[in-house]
PDB file of N, CA and C in Angstrom:
ATOM      1  N   MET A   1    -163.510  87.463 -90.917  1.00  0.00           N
ATOM      2  CA  MET A   1    -164.567  87.853 -91.802  1.00  0.00           C
ATOM      3  C   MET A   1    -165.051  86.671 -92.634  1.00  0.00           C
ATOM      4  N   TYR A   2    -164.114  86.062 -93.394  1.00  0.00           N
ATOM      5  CA  TYR A   2    -164.462  84.886 -94.179  1.00  0.00           C
ATOM      6  C   TYR A   2    -163.863  83.652 -93.532  1.00  0.00           C
ATOM      7  N   ASN A   3    -164.497  82.535 -93.726  1.00  0.00           N
ATOM      8  CA  ASN A   3    -163.974  81.283 -93.188  1.00  0.00           C
ATOM      9  C   ASN A   3    -163.199  80.574 -94.289  1.00  0.00           C
ATOM     10  N   GLN A   4    -161.993  81.041 -94.539  1.00  0.00           N
ATOM     11  CA  GLN A   4    -161.172  80.460 -95.583  1.00  0.00           C
ATOM     12  C   GLN A   4    -160.209  79.458 -94.971  1.00  0.00           C
ATOM     13  N   THR A   5    -159.998  78.352 -95.665  1.00  0.00           N
ATOM     14  CA  THR A   5    -159.045  77.358 -95.200  1.00  0.00           C
ATOM     15  C   THR A   5    -157.844  77.357 -96.132  1.00  0.00           C
ATOM     16  N   THR A   6    -156.692  77.089 -95.556  1.00  0.00           N
ATOM     17  CA  THR A   6    -155.486  76.976 -96.365  1.00  0.00           C
ATOM     18  C   THR A   6    -155.476  75.626 -97.055  1.00  0.00           C
ATOM     19  N   SER A   7    -154.586  75.455 -98.010  1.00  0.00           N
ATOM     20  CA  SER A   7    -154.516  74.178 -98.722  1.00  0.00           C
ATOM     21  C   SER A   7    -154.105  73.053 -97.768  1.00  0.00           C
ATOM     22  N   HIS A   8    -153.264  73.374 -96.790  1.00  0.00           N
ATOM     23  CA  HIS A   8    -152.855  72.372 -95.801  1.00  0.00           C
ATOM     24  C   HIS A   8    -154.041  71.943 -94.940  1.00  0.00           C
ATOM     25  N   GLU A   9    -154.820  72.906 -94.482  1.00  0.00           N
ATOM     26  CA  GLU A   9    -156.003  72.580 -93.681  1.00  0.00           C
ATOM     27  C   GLU A   9    -156.997  71.754 -94.501  1.00  0.00           C
ATOM     28  N   ARG A  10    -157.153  72.086 -95.764  1.00  0.00           N
ATOM     29  CA  ARG A  10    -158.060  71.339 -96.638  1.00  0.00           C
ATOM     30  C   ARG A  10    -157.578  69.893 -96.800  1.00  0.00           C
ATOM     31  N   ARG A  11    -156.261  69.707 -96.969  1.00  0.00           N
ATOM     32  CA  ARG A  11    -155.711  68.356 -97.094  1.00  0.00           C
ATOM     33  C   ARG A  11    -155.970  67.557 -95.823  1.00  0.00           C
ATOM     34  N   LEU A  12    -155.824  68.184 -94.675  1.00  0.00           N
ATOM     35  CA  LEU A  12    -156.079  67.498 -93.409  1.00  0.00           C
ATOM     36  C   LEU A  12    -157.553  67.128 -93.260  1.00  0.00           C
ATOM     37  N   GLN A  13    -158.470  67.983 -93.725  1.00  0.00           N
ATOM     38  CA  GLN A  13    -159.895  67.658 -93.695  1.00  0.00           C
ATOM     39  C   GLN A  13    -160.180  66.442 -94.571  1.00  0.00           C
ATOM     40  N   ILE A  14    -159.590  66.417 -95.750  1.00  0.00           N
ATOM     41  CA  ILE A  14    -159.775  65.282 -96.658  1.00  0.00           C
ATOM     42  C   ILE A  14    -159.202  64.017 -96.025  1.00  0.00           C
ATOM     43  N   HIS A  15    -158.021  64.146 -95.397  1.00  0.00           N
ATOM     44  CA  HIS A  15    -157.389  62.991 -94.767  1.00  0.00           C
ATOM     45  C   HIS A  15    -158.257  62.430 -93.635  1.00  0.00           C
ATOM     46  N   GLU A  16    -158.844  63.314 -92.837  1.00  0.00           N
ATOM     47  CA  GLU A  16    -159.734  62.855 -91.765  1.00  0.00           C
ATOM     48  C   GLU A  16    -160.934  62.100 -92.337  1.00  0.00           C
ATOM     49  N   ARG A  17    -161.491  62.604 -93.415  1.00  0.00           N
ATOM     50  CA  ARG A  17    -162.642  61.949 -94.036  1.00  0.00           C
ATOM     51  C   ARG A  17    -162.259  60.571 -94.584  1.00  0.00           C
ATOM     52  N   ILE A  18    -161.071  60.479 -95.171  1.00  0.00           N
ATOM     53  CA  ILE A  18    -160.593  59.191 -95.687  1.00  0.00           C
ATOM     54  C   ILE A  18    -160.377  58.206 -94.539  1.00  0.00           C
ATOM     55  N   ARG A  19    -159.775  58.694 -93.445  1.00  0.00           N
ATOM     56  CA  ARG A  19    -159.431  57.815 -92.320  1.00  0.00           C
ATOM     57  C   ARG A  19    -160.655  57.286 -91.582  1.00  0.00           C
ATOM     58  N   LYS A  20    -161.810  57.951 -91.714  1.00  0.00           N
ATOM     59  CA  LYS A  20    -163.029  57.423 -91.111  1.00  0.00           C
ATOM     60  C   LYS A  20    -163.420  56.107 -91.756  1.00  0.00           C
ATOM     61  N   LYS A  21    -163.108  55.963 -93.032  1.00  0.00           N
ATOM     62  CA  LYS A  21    -163.511  54.785 -93.803  1.00  0.00           C
ATOM     63  C   LYS A  21    -162.413  53.732 -93.888  1.00  0.00           C
ATOM     64  N   LEU A  22    -161.169  54.132 -93.697  1.00  0.00           N
ATOM     65  CA  LEU A  22    -160.026  53.250 -93.897  1.00  0.00           C
ATOM     66  C   LEU A  22    -159.482  52.741 -92.568  1.00  0.00           C
ATOM     67  N   ARG A  23    -159.286  51.454 -92.450  1.00  0.00           N
ATOM     68  CA  ARG A  23    -158.727  50.885 -91.233  1.00  0.00           C
ATOM     69  C   ARG A  23    -157.821  49.725 -91.628  1.00  0.00           C
ATOM     70  N   GLY A  24    -156.622  49.731 -91.118  1.00  0.00           N
ATOM     71  CA  GLY A  24    -155.676  48.651 -91.386  1.00  0.00           C
ATOM     72  C   GLY A  24    -155.581  47.746 -90.180  1.00  0.00           C
ATOM     73  N   GLY A  25    -155.637  46.449 -90.410  1.00  0.00           N
ATOM     74  CA  GLY A  25    -155.554  45.487 -89.314  1.00  0.00           C
ATOM     75  C   GLY A  25    -154.311  44.630 -89.435  1.00  0.00           C
ATOM     76  N   PRO A  26    -154.205  43.614 -88.597  1.00  0.00           N
ATOM     77  CA  PRO A  26    -153.009  42.763 -88.642  1.00  0.00           C
ATOM     78  C   PRO A  26    -152.894  41.963 -89.950  1.00  0.00           C
ATOM     79  N   GLU A  27    -154.035  41.547 -90.520  1.00  0.00           N
ATOM     80  CA  GLU A  27    -153.974  40.770 -91.758  1.00  0.00           C
ATOM     81  C   GLU A  27    -153.794  41.655 -92.988  1.00  0.00           C
ATOM     82  N   ARG A  28    -154.228  42.921 -92.905  1.00  0.00           N
ATOM     83  CA  ARG A  28    -154.075  43.864 -94.022  1.00  0.00           C
ATOM     84  C   ARG A  28    -153.811  45.263 -93.452  1.00  0.00           C
ATOM     85  N   PRO A  29    -152.536  45.559 -93.131  1.00  0.00           N
ATOM     86  CA  PRO A  29    -152.222  46.864 -92.538  1.00  0.00           C
ATOM     87  C   PRO A  29    -152.355  48.002 -93.556  1.00  0.00           C
ATOM     88  N   ARG A  30    -152.215  49.217 -93.069  1.00  0.00           N
ATOM     89  CA  ARG A  30    -152.408  50.422 -93.881  1.00  0.00           C
ATOM     90  C   ARG A  30    -151.059  50.983 -94.322  1.00  0.00           C
ATOM     91  N   LEU A  31    -150.940  51.259 -95.626  1.00  0.00           N
ATOM     92  CA  LEU A  31    -149.760  51.932 -96.170  1.00  0.00           C
ATOM     93  C   LEU A  31    -150.083  53.413 -96.272  1.00  0.00           C
ATOM     94  N   SER A  32    -149.503  54.192 -95.380  1.00  0.00           N
ATOM     95  CA  SER A  32    -149.762  55.626 -95.313  1.00  0.00           C
ATOM     96  C   SER A  32    -148.637  56.379 -96.001  1.00  0.00           C
ATOM     97  N   VAL A  33    -149.007  57.370 -96.810  1.00  0.00           N
ATOM     98  CA  VAL A  33    -148.030  58.161 -97.554  1.00  0.00           C
ATOM     99  C   VAL A  33    -148.119  59.615 -97.100  1.00  0.00           C
ATOM    100  N   TYR A  34    -146.969  60.205 -96.860  1.00  0.00           N
ATOM    101  CA  TYR A  34    -146.893  61.637 -96.586  1.00  0.00           C
ATOM    102  C   TYR A  34    -145.829  62.209 -97.507  1.00  0.00           C
ATOM    103  N   ARG A  35    -146.136  63.339 -98.118  1.00  0.00           N
ATOM    104  CA  ARG A  35    -145.134  63.989 -98.957  1.00  0.00           C
ATOM    105  C   ARG A  35    -144.951  65.430 -98.514  1.00  0.00           C
ATOM    106  N   SER A  36    -143.713  65.824 -98.449  1.00  0.00           N
ATOM    107  CA  SER A  36    -143.382  67.221 -98.197  1.00  0.00           C
ATOM    108  C   SER A  36    -142.719  67.747 -99.465  1.00  0.00           C
ATOM    109  N   LEU A  37    -142.267  68.971 -99.443  1.00  0.00           N
ATOM    110  CA  LEU A  37    -141.624  69.515-100.637  1.00  0.00           C
ATOM    111  C   LEU A  37    -140.301  68.822-100.931  1.00  0.00           C
ATOM    112  N   LYS A  38    -139.581  68.430 -99.886  1.00  0.00           N
ATOM    113  CA  LYS A  38    -138.253  67.843-100.084  1.00  0.00           C
ATOM    114  C   LYS A  38    -138.221  66.320-100.027  1.00  0.00           C
ATOM    115  N   HIS A  39    -139.177  65.688 -99.344  1.00  0.00           N
ATOM    116  CA  HIS A  39    -139.109  64.251 -99.109  1.00  0.00           C
ATOM    117  C   HIS A  39    -140.467  63.593 -99.300  1.00  0.00           C
ATOM    118  N   ILE A  40    -140.436  62.254 -99.363  1.00  0.00           N
ATOM    119  CA  ILE A  40    -141.664  61.462 -99.360  1.00  0.00           C
ATOM    120  C   ILE A  40    -141.458  60.327 -98.364  1.00  0.00           C
ATOM    121  N   TYR A  41    -142.506  60.034 -97.608  1.00  0.00           N
ATOM    122  CA  TYR A  41    -142.435  59.056 -96.534  1.00  0.00           C
ATOM    123  C   TYR A  41    -143.527  58.018 -96.731  1.00  0.00           C
ATOM    124  N   GLY A  42    -143.225  56.768 -96.429  1.00  0.00           N
ATOM    125  CA  GLY A  42    -144.227  55.716 -96.454  1.00  0.00           C
ATOM    126  C   GLY A  42    -144.125  54.895 -95.180  1.00  0.00           C
ATOM    127  N   GLN A  43    -145.272  54.562 -94.598  1.00  0.00           N
ATOM    128  CA  GLN A  43    -145.306  53.742 -93.386  1.00  0.00           C
ATOM    129  C   GLN A  43    -146.361  52.672 -93.551  1.00  0.00           C
ATOM    130  N   ILE A  44    -146.073  51.488 -93.062  1.00  0.00           N
ATOM    131  CA  ILE A  44    -147.087  50.438 -92.979  1.00  0.00           C
ATOM    132  C   ILE A  44    -147.460  50.328 -91.513  1.00  0.00           C
ATOM    133  N   ILE A  45    -148.755  50.564 -91.230  1.00  0.00           N
ATOM    134  CA  ILE A  45    -149.245  50.720 -89.863  1.00  0.00           C
ATOM    135  C   ILE A  45    -150.331  49.700 -89.566  1.00  0.00           C
ATOM    136  N   ASP A  46    -150.255  49.072 -88.397  1.00  0.00           N
ATOM    137  CA  ASP A  46    -151.324  48.207 -87.899  1.00  0.00           C
ATOM    138  C   ASP A  46    -152.184  49.071 -86.981  1.00  0.00           C
ATOM    139  N   ASP A  47    -153.385  49.424 -87.434  1.00  0.00           N
ATOM    140  CA  ASP A  47    -154.234  50.338 -86.668  1.00  0.00           C
ATOM    141  C   ASP A  47    -154.838  49.694 -85.429  1.00  0.00           C
ATOM    142  N   SER A  48    -154.910  48.366 -85.374  1.00  0.00           N
ATOM    143  CA  SER A  48    -155.478  47.723 -84.193  1.00  0.00           C
ATOM    144  C   SER A  48    -154.568  47.900 -82.975  1.00  0.00           C
ATOM    145  N   THR A  49    -153.255  47.933 -83.206  1.00  0.00           N
ATOM    146  CA  THR A  49    -152.316  48.148 -82.103  1.00  0.00           C
ATOM    147  C   THR A  49    -151.732  49.560 -82.112  1.00  0.00           C
ATOM    148  N   GLY A  50    -151.893  50.267 -83.231  1.00  0.00           N
ATOM    149  CA  GLY A  50    -151.342  51.613 -83.340  1.00  0.00           C
ATOM    150  C   GLY A  50    -149.842  51.635 -83.550  1.00  0.00           C
ATOM    151  N   LYS A  51    -149.282  50.553 -84.067  1.00  0.00           N
ATOM    152  CA  LYS A  51    -147.836  50.442 -84.234  1.00  0.00           C
ATOM    153  C   LYS A  51    -147.441  50.578 -85.713  1.00  0.00           C
ATOM    154  N   THR A  52    -146.323  51.237 -85.937  1.00  0.00           N
ATOM    155  CA  THR A  52    -145.733  51.293 -87.270  1.00  0.00           C
ATOM    156  C   THR A  52    -144.894  50.042 -87.445  1.00  0.00           C
ATOM    157  N   LEU A  53    -145.239  49.234 -88.448  1.00  0.00           N
ATOM    158  CA  LEU A  53    -144.531  47.990 -88.686  1.00  0.00           C
ATOM    159  C   LEU A  53    -143.290  48.212 -89.550  1.00  0.00           C
ATOM    160  N   ILE A  54    -143.442  49.010 -90.598  1.00  0.00           N
ATOM    161  CA  ILE A  54    -142.361  49.244 -91.552  1.00  0.00           C
ATOM    162  C   ILE A  54    -142.413  50.708 -91.975  1.00  0.00           C
ATOM    163  N   ALA A  55    -141.257  51.310 -92.162  1.00  0.00           N
ATOM    164  CA  ALA A  55    -141.204  52.694 -92.645  1.00  0.00           C
ATOM    165  C   ALA A  55    -140.041  52.844 -93.612  1.00  0.00           C
ATOM    166  N   ALA A  56    -140.223  53.728 -94.576  1.00  0.00           N
ATOM    167  CA  ALA A  56    -139.149  54.078 -95.508  1.00  0.00           C
ATOM    168  C   ALA A  56    -139.375  55.513 -95.952  1.00  0.00           C
ATOM    169  N   SER A  57    -138.283  56.231 -96.155  1.00  0.00           N
ATOM    170  CA  SER A  57    -138.410  57.608 -96.614  1.00  0.00           C
ATOM    171  C   SER A  57    -137.133  58.048 -97.305  1.00  0.00           C
ATOM    172  N   THR A  58    -137.243  59.136 -98.035  1.00  0.00           N
ATOM    173  CA  THR A  58    -136.068  59.694 -98.693  1.00  0.00           C
ATOM    174  C   THR A  58    -135.186  60.439 -97.697  1.00  0.00           C
ATOM    175  N   ALA A  59    -135.682  60.685 -96.505  1.00  0.00           N
ATOM    176  CA  ALA A  59    -134.899  61.380 -95.484  1.00  0.00           C
ATOM    177  C   ALA A  59    -133.919  60.437 -94.776  1.00  0.00           C
ATOM    178  N   GLU A  60    -134.060  59.126 -94.983  1.00  0.00           N
ATOM    179  CA  GLU A  60    -133.147  58.163 -94.361  1.00  0.00           C
ATOM    180  C   GLU A  60    -131.758  58.288 -94.963  1.00  0.00           C
ATOM    181  N   LYS A  61    -130.768  58.015 -94.154  1.00  0.00           N
ATOM    182  CA  LYS A  61    -129.398  58.045 -94.662  1.00  0.00           C
ATOM    183  C   LYS A  61    -129.162  56.921 -95.674  1.00  0.00           C
ATOM    184  N   SER A  62    -129.866  55.795 -95.500  1.00  0.00           N
ATOM    185  CA  SER A  62    -129.674  54.655 -96.395  1.00  0.00           C
ATOM    186  C   SER A  62    -130.395  54.824 -97.731  1.00  0.00           C
ATOM    187  N   ALA A  63    -131.246  55.835 -97.854  1.00  0.00           N
ATOM    188  CA  ALA A  63    -131.959  56.068 -99.116  1.00  0.00           C
ATOM    189  C   ALA A  63    -130.959  56.524-100.169  1.00  0.00           C
ATOM    190  N   LYS A  64    -130.991  55.844-101.303  1.00  0.00           N
ATOM    191  CA  LYS A  64    -130.011  56.133-102.348  1.00  0.00           C
ATOM    192  C   LYS A  64    -130.602  57.063-103.401  1.00  0.00           C
ATOM    193  N   VAL A  65    -131.114  58.197-102.946  1.00  0.00           N
ATOM    194  CA  VAL A  65    -131.682  59.177-103.865  1.00  0.00           C
ATOM    195  C   VAL A  65    -131.003  60.519-103.625  1.00  0.00           C
ATOM    196  N   LYS A  66    -130.755  61.215-104.706  1.00  0.00           N
ATOM    197  CA  LYS A  66    -130.100  62.515-104.604  1.00  0.00           C
ATOM    198  C   LYS A  66    -131.096  63.596-104.185  1.00  0.00           C
ATOM    199  N   ASN A  67    -132.273  63.581-104.821  1.00  0.00           N
ATOM    200  CA  ASN A  67    -133.314  64.556-104.523  1.00  0.00           C
ATOM    201  C   ASN A  67    -134.560  63.791-104.101  1.00  0.00           C
ATOM    202  N   GLY A  68    -135.094  64.078-102.927  1.00  0.00           N
ATOM    203  CA  GLY A  68    -136.237  63.333-102.414  1.00  0.00           C
ATOM    204  C   GLY A  68    -137.584  63.840-102.858  1.00  0.00           C
ATOM    205  N   GLY A  69    -137.630  64.956-103.588  1.00  0.00           N
ATOM    206  CA  GLY A  69    -138.903  65.552-103.935  1.00  0.00           C
ATOM    207  C   GLY A  69    -139.307  65.345-105.380  1.00  0.00           C
ATOM    208  N   ASN A  70    -138.973  64.192-105.956  1.00  0.00           N
ATOM    209  CA  ASN A  70    -139.371  63.950-107.346  1.00  0.00           C
ATOM    210  C   ASN A  70    -139.943  62.547-107.519  1.00  0.00           C
ATOM    211  N   ILE A  71    -140.428  62.256-108.709  1.00  0.00           N
ATOM    212  CA  ILE A  71    -141.098  60.985-108.976  1.00  0.00           C
ATOM    213  C   ILE A  71    -140.118  59.817-108.892  1.00  0.00           C
ATOM    214  N   ALA A  72    -138.888  60.000-109.320  1.00  0.00           N
ATOM    215  CA  ALA A  72    -137.891  58.926-109.245  1.00  0.00           C
ATOM    216  C   ALA A  72    -137.661  58.504-107.794  1.00  0.00           C
ATOM    217  N   ALA A  73    -137.610  59.466-106.900  1.00  0.00           N
ATOM    218  CA  ALA A  73    -137.426  59.160-105.475  1.00  0.00           C
ATOM    219  C   ALA A  73    -138.641  58.429-104.931  1.00  0.00           C
ATOM    220  N   ALA A  74    -139.836  58.835-105.349  1.00  0.00           N
ATOM    221  CA  ALA A  74    -141.054  58.173-104.883  1.00  0.00           C
ATOM    222  C   ALA A  74    -141.085  56.719-105.345  1.00  0.00           C
ATOM    223  N   LYS A  75    -140.649  56.462-106.573  1.00  0.00           N
ATOM    224  CA  LYS A  75    -140.583  55.081-107.070  1.00  0.00           C
ATOM    225  C   LYS A  75    -139.604  54.253-106.247  1.00  0.00           C
ATOM    226  N   ALA A  76    -138.467  54.842-105.921  1.00  0.00           N
ATOM    227  CA  ALA A  76    -137.461  54.129-105.116  1.00  0.00           C
ATOM    228  C   ALA A  76    -138.011  53.785-103.732  1.00  0.00           C
ATOM    229  N   ILE A  77    -138.734  54.708-103.124  1.00  0.00           N
ATOM    230  CA  ILE A  77    -139.298  54.458-101.793  1.00  0.00           C
ATOM    231  C   ILE A  77    -140.412  53.415-101.878  1.00  0.00           C
ATOM    232  N   GLY A  78    -141.218  53.454-102.937  1.00  0.00           N
ATOM    233  CA  GLY A  78    -142.260  52.444-103.129  1.00  0.00           C
ATOM    234  C   GLY A  78    -141.679  51.049-103.233  1.00  0.00           C
ATOM    235  N   GLN A  79    -140.594  50.917-103.985  1.00  0.00           N
ATOM    236  CA  GLN A  79    -139.934  49.622-104.120  1.00  0.00           C
ATOM    237  C   GLN A  79    -139.324  49.181-102.798  1.00  0.00           C
ATOM    238  N   GLU A  80    -138.724  50.115-102.092  1.00  0.00           N
ATOM    239  CA  GLU A  80    -138.080  49.794-100.810  1.00  0.00           C
ATOM    240  C   GLU A  80    -139.101  49.352 -99.766  1.00  0.00           C
ATOM    241  N   ILE A  81    -140.224  50.050 -99.685  1.00  0.00           N
ATOM    242  CA  ILE A  81    -141.234  49.694 -98.685  1.00  0.00           C
ATOM    243  C   ILE A  81    -141.857  48.339 -99.017  1.00  0.00           C
ATOM    244  N   ALA A  82    -142.033  48.040-100.309  1.00  0.00           N
ATOM    245  CA  ALA A  82    -142.568  46.743-100.711  1.00  0.00           C
ATOM    246  C   ALA A  82    -141.576  45.630-100.380  1.00  0.00           C
ATOM    247  N   LYS A  83    -140.303  45.879-100.611  1.00  0.00           N
ATOM    248  CA  LYS A  83    -139.271  44.879-100.305  1.00  0.00           C
ATOM    249  C   LYS A  83    -139.251  44.568 -98.809  1.00  0.00           C
ATOM    250  N   ARG A  84    -139.303  45.614 -97.987  1.00  0.00           N
ATOM    251  CA  ARG A  84    -139.294  45.425 -96.531  1.00  0.00           C
ATOM    252  C   ARG A  84    -140.569  44.728 -96.057  1.00  0.00           C
ATOM    253  N   ALA A  85    -141.693  45.051 -96.675  1.00  0.00           N
ATOM    254  CA  ALA A  85    -142.966  44.428 -96.289  1.00  0.00           C
ATOM    255  C   ALA A  85    -142.971  42.943 -96.626  1.00  0.00           C
ATOM    256  N   LEU A  86    -142.490  42.603 -97.801  1.00  0.00           N
ATOM    257  CA  LEU A  86    -142.457  41.194 -98.198  1.00  0.00           C
ATOM    258  C   LEU A  86    -141.508  40.394 -97.313  1.00  0.00           C
ATOM    259  N   GLN A  87    -140.425  41.007 -96.857  1.00  0.00           N
ATOM    260  CA  GLN A  87    -139.505  40.340 -95.927  1.00  0.00           C
ATOM    261  C   GLN A  87    -140.184  40.052 -94.597  1.00  0.00           C
ATOM    262  N   GLU A  88    -141.104  40.926 -94.181  1.00  0.00           N
ATOM    263  CA  GLU A  88    -141.846  40.744 -92.933  1.00  0.00           C
ATOM    264  C   GLU A  88    -143.071  39.854 -93.102  1.00  0.00           C
ATOM    265  N   GLY A  89    -143.342  39.425 -94.338  1.00  0.00           N
ATOM    266  CA  GLY A  89    -144.482  38.547 -94.582  1.00  0.00           C
ATOM    267  C   GLY A  89    -145.781  39.283 -94.866  1.00  0.00           C
ATOM    268  N   ILE A  90    -145.710  40.571 -95.146  1.00  0.00           N
ATOM    269  CA  ILE A  90    -146.901  41.359 -95.467  1.00  0.00           C
ATOM    270  C   ILE A  90    -147.043  41.391 -96.980  1.00  0.00           C
ATOM    271  N   LYS A  91    -148.167  40.861 -97.470  1.00  0.00           N
ATOM    272  CA  LYS A  91    -148.385  40.795 -98.915  1.00  0.00           C
ATOM    273  C   LYS A  91    -149.466  41.762 -99.381  1.00  0.00           C
ATOM    274  N   GLU A  92    -150.418  42.105 -98.495  1.00  0.00           N
ATOM    275  CA  GLU A  92    -151.531  42.985 -98.849  1.00  0.00           C
ATOM    276  C   GLU A  92    -151.601  44.147 -97.876  1.00  0.00           C
ATOM    277  N   VAL A  93    -151.877  45.333 -98.409  1.00  0.00           N
ATOM    278  CA  VAL A  93    -152.052  46.517 -97.580  1.00  0.00           C
ATOM    279  C   VAL A  93    -153.233  47.333 -98.095  1.00  0.00           C
ATOM    280  N   VAL A  94    -153.725  48.218 -97.242  1.00  0.00           N
ATOM    281  CA  VAL A  94    -154.741  49.196 -97.612  1.00  0.00           C
ATOM    282  C   VAL A  94    -153.989  50.494 -97.878  1.00  0.00           C
ATOM    283  N   PHE A  95    -154.233  51.131 -99.016  1.00  0.00           N
ATOM    284  CA  PHE A  95    -153.484  52.332 -99.379  1.00  0.00           C
ATOM    285  C   PHE A  95    -154.175  53.584 -98.850  1.00  0.00           C
ATOM    286  N   ASP A  96    -153.425  54.393 -98.098  1.00  0.00           N
ATOM    287  CA  ASP A  96    -153.913  55.659 -97.540  1.00  0.00           C
ATOM    288  C   ASP A  96    -153.084  56.779 -98.164  1.00  0.00           C
ATOM    289  N   ARG A  97    -153.721  57.551 -99.039  1.00  0.00           N
ATOM    290  CA  ARG A  97    -153.001  58.593 -99.765  1.00  0.00           C
ATOM    291  C   ARG A  97    -152.774  59.848 -98.939  1.00  0.00           C
ATOM    292  N   GLY A  98    -153.276  59.891 -97.727  1.00  0.00           N
ATOM    293  CA  GLY A  98    -153.001  60.983 -96.814  1.00  0.00           C
ATOM    294  C   GLY A  98    -153.622  62.314 -97.184  1.00  0.00           C
ATOM    295  N   GLY A  99    -154.710  62.295 -97.916  1.00  0.00           N
ATOM    296  CA  GLY A  99    -155.370  63.537 -98.296  1.00  0.00           C
ATOM    297  C   GLY A  99    -154.811  64.160 -99.555  1.00  0.00           C
ATOM    298  N   HIS A 100    -153.724  63.592-100.075  1.00  0.00           N
ATOM    299  CA  HIS A 100    -153.142  64.095-101.310  1.00  0.00           C
ATOM    300  C   HIS A 100    -153.886  63.501-102.499  1.00  0.00           C
ATOM    301  N   ARG A 101    -153.887  64.198-103.624  1.00  0.00           N
ATOM    302  CA  ARG A 101    -154.490  63.645-104.823  1.00  0.00           C
ATOM    303  C   ARG A 101    -153.661  62.461-105.302  1.00  0.00           C
ATOM    304  N   TYR A 102    -154.339  61.497-105.925  1.00  0.00           N
ATOM    305  CA  TYR A 102    -153.658  60.297-106.391  1.00  0.00           C
ATOM    306  C   TYR A 102    -153.049  60.583-107.765  1.00  0.00           C
ATOM    307  N   HIS A 103    -151.964  61.293-107.793  1.00  0.00           N
ATOM    308  CA  HIS A 103    -151.212  61.538-109.010  1.00  0.00           C
ATOM    309  C   HIS A 103    -149.804  61.944-108.620  1.00  0.00           C
ATOM    310  N   GLY A 104    -148.925  62.007-109.569  1.00  0.00           N
ATOM    311  CA  GLY A 104    -147.557  62.439-109.304  1.00  0.00           C
ATOM    312  C   GLY A 104    -146.801  61.490-108.404  1.00  0.00           C
ATOM    313  N   ARG A 105    -146.203  62.038-107.345  1.00  0.00           N
ATOM    314  CA  ARG A 105    -145.354  61.243-106.457  1.00  0.00           C
ATOM    315  C   ARG A 105    -146.126  60.190-105.684  1.00  0.00           C
ATOM    316  N   VAL A 106    -147.362  60.502-105.280  1.00  0.00           N
ATOM    317  CA  VAL A 106    -148.173  59.539-104.526  1.00  0.00           C
ATOM    318  C   VAL A 106    -148.498  58.336-105.410  1.00  0.00           C
ATOM    319  N   LYS A 107    -148.891  58.592-106.645  1.00  0.00           N
ATOM    320  CA  LYS A 107    -149.206  57.521-107.585  1.00  0.00           C
ATOM    321  C   LYS A 107    -147.952  56.714-107.935  1.00  0.00           C
ATOM    322  N   ALA A 108    -146.821  57.388-108.100  1.00  0.00           N
ATOM    323  CA  ALA A 108    -145.565  56.713-108.421  1.00  0.00           C
ATOM    324  C   ALA A 108    -145.154  55.758-107.305  1.00  0.00           C
ATOM    325  N   LEU A 109    -145.320  56.186-106.051  1.00  0.00           N
ATOM    326  CA  LEU A 109    -144.990  55.325-104.917  1.00  0.00           C
ATOM    327  C   LEU A 109    -145.894  54.089-104.913  1.00  0.00           C
ATOM    328  N   ALA A 110    -147.196  54.289-105.115  1.00  0.00           N
ATOM    329  CA  ALA A 110    -148.148  53.177-105.105  1.00  0.00           C
ATOM    330  C   ALA A 110    -147.865  52.205-106.253  1.00  0.00           C
ATOM    331  N   ASP A 111    -147.622  52.726-107.448  1.00  0.00           N
ATOM    332  CA  ASP A 111    -147.352  51.865-108.606  1.00  0.00           C
ATOM    333  C   ASP A 111    -146.063  51.073-108.419  1.00  0.00           C
ATOM    334  N   ALA A 112    -145.026  51.707-107.871  1.00  0.00           N
ATOM    335  CA  ALA A 112    -143.767  51.016-107.633  1.00  0.00           C
ATOM    336  C   ALA A 112    -143.942  49.905-106.590  1.00  0.00           C
ATOM    337  N   ALA A 113    -144.732  50.154-105.566  1.00  0.00           N
ATOM    338  CA  ALA A 113    -144.991  49.133-104.545  1.00  0.00           C
ATOM    339  C   ALA A 113    -145.734  47.954-105.160  1.00  0.00           C
ATOM    340  N   ARG A 114    -146.705  48.243-106.036  1.00  0.00           N
ATOM    341  CA  ARG A 114    -147.432  47.166-106.745  1.00  0.00           C
ATOM    342  C   ARG A 114    -146.497  46.338-107.607  1.00  0.00           C
ATOM    343  N   GLU A 115    -145.653  47.016-108.372  1.00  0.00           N
ATOM    344  CA  GLU A 115    -144.721  46.319-109.266  1.00  0.00           C
ATOM    345  C   GLU A 115    -143.738  45.462-108.491  1.00  0.00           C
ATOM    346  N   ALA A 116    -143.397  45.877-107.280  1.00  0.00           N
ATOM    347  CA  ALA A 116    -142.438  45.132-106.461  1.00  0.00           C
ATOM    348  C   ALA A 116    -143.099  43.945-105.744  1.00  0.00           C
ATOM    349  N   GLY A 117    -144.422  43.774-105.908  1.00  0.00           N
ATOM    350  CA  GLY A 117    -145.063  42.588-105.368  1.00  0.00           C
ATOM    351  C   GLY A 117    -146.053  42.816-104.241  1.00  0.00           C
ATOM    352  N   LEU A 118    -146.267  44.051-103.850  1.00  0.00           N
ATOM    353  CA  LEU A 118    -147.202  44.359-102.766  1.00  0.00           C
ATOM    354  C   LEU A 118    -148.579  44.568-103.376  1.00  0.00           C
ATOM    355  N   LYS A 119    -149.607  43.954-102.779  1.00  0.00           N
ATOM    356  CA  LYS A 119    -150.966  44.097-103.292  1.00  0.00           C
ATOM    357  C   LYS A 119    -151.656  45.233-102.551  1.00  0.00           C
ATOM    358  N   LEU A 120    -152.073  46.264-103.310  1.00  0.00           N
ATOM    359  CA  LEU A 120    -152.762  47.411-102.708  1.00  0.00           C
ATOM    360  C   LEU A 120    -154.239  47.310-102.961  1.00  0.00           C
TER     361      LEU A 120
END
């Protein structure tokens, strides 16, 4: 009867619209963020080859966070992804918020990555 979209479908529509404009290359790859209720994930992706260069998440066994669904965990993942990127020689990235609003855990991850030396 009505053409109603769920919040998940709406987020995916926003993400598609963002991805039309955003492209990460070898000199400036894309930092993509995904958040679920329990975890937060970050990936640095080279879109020209379609390869994930670096990834970090609270779901990893090596992640030293008790609860993955809070701002403290997002800050830890932001710092970790920046540390791994700098080790690989990546200094600049394009930030892809994944259709999520830029606040809370997404903003905390981005700010922590900036503070750790990654240029967004």
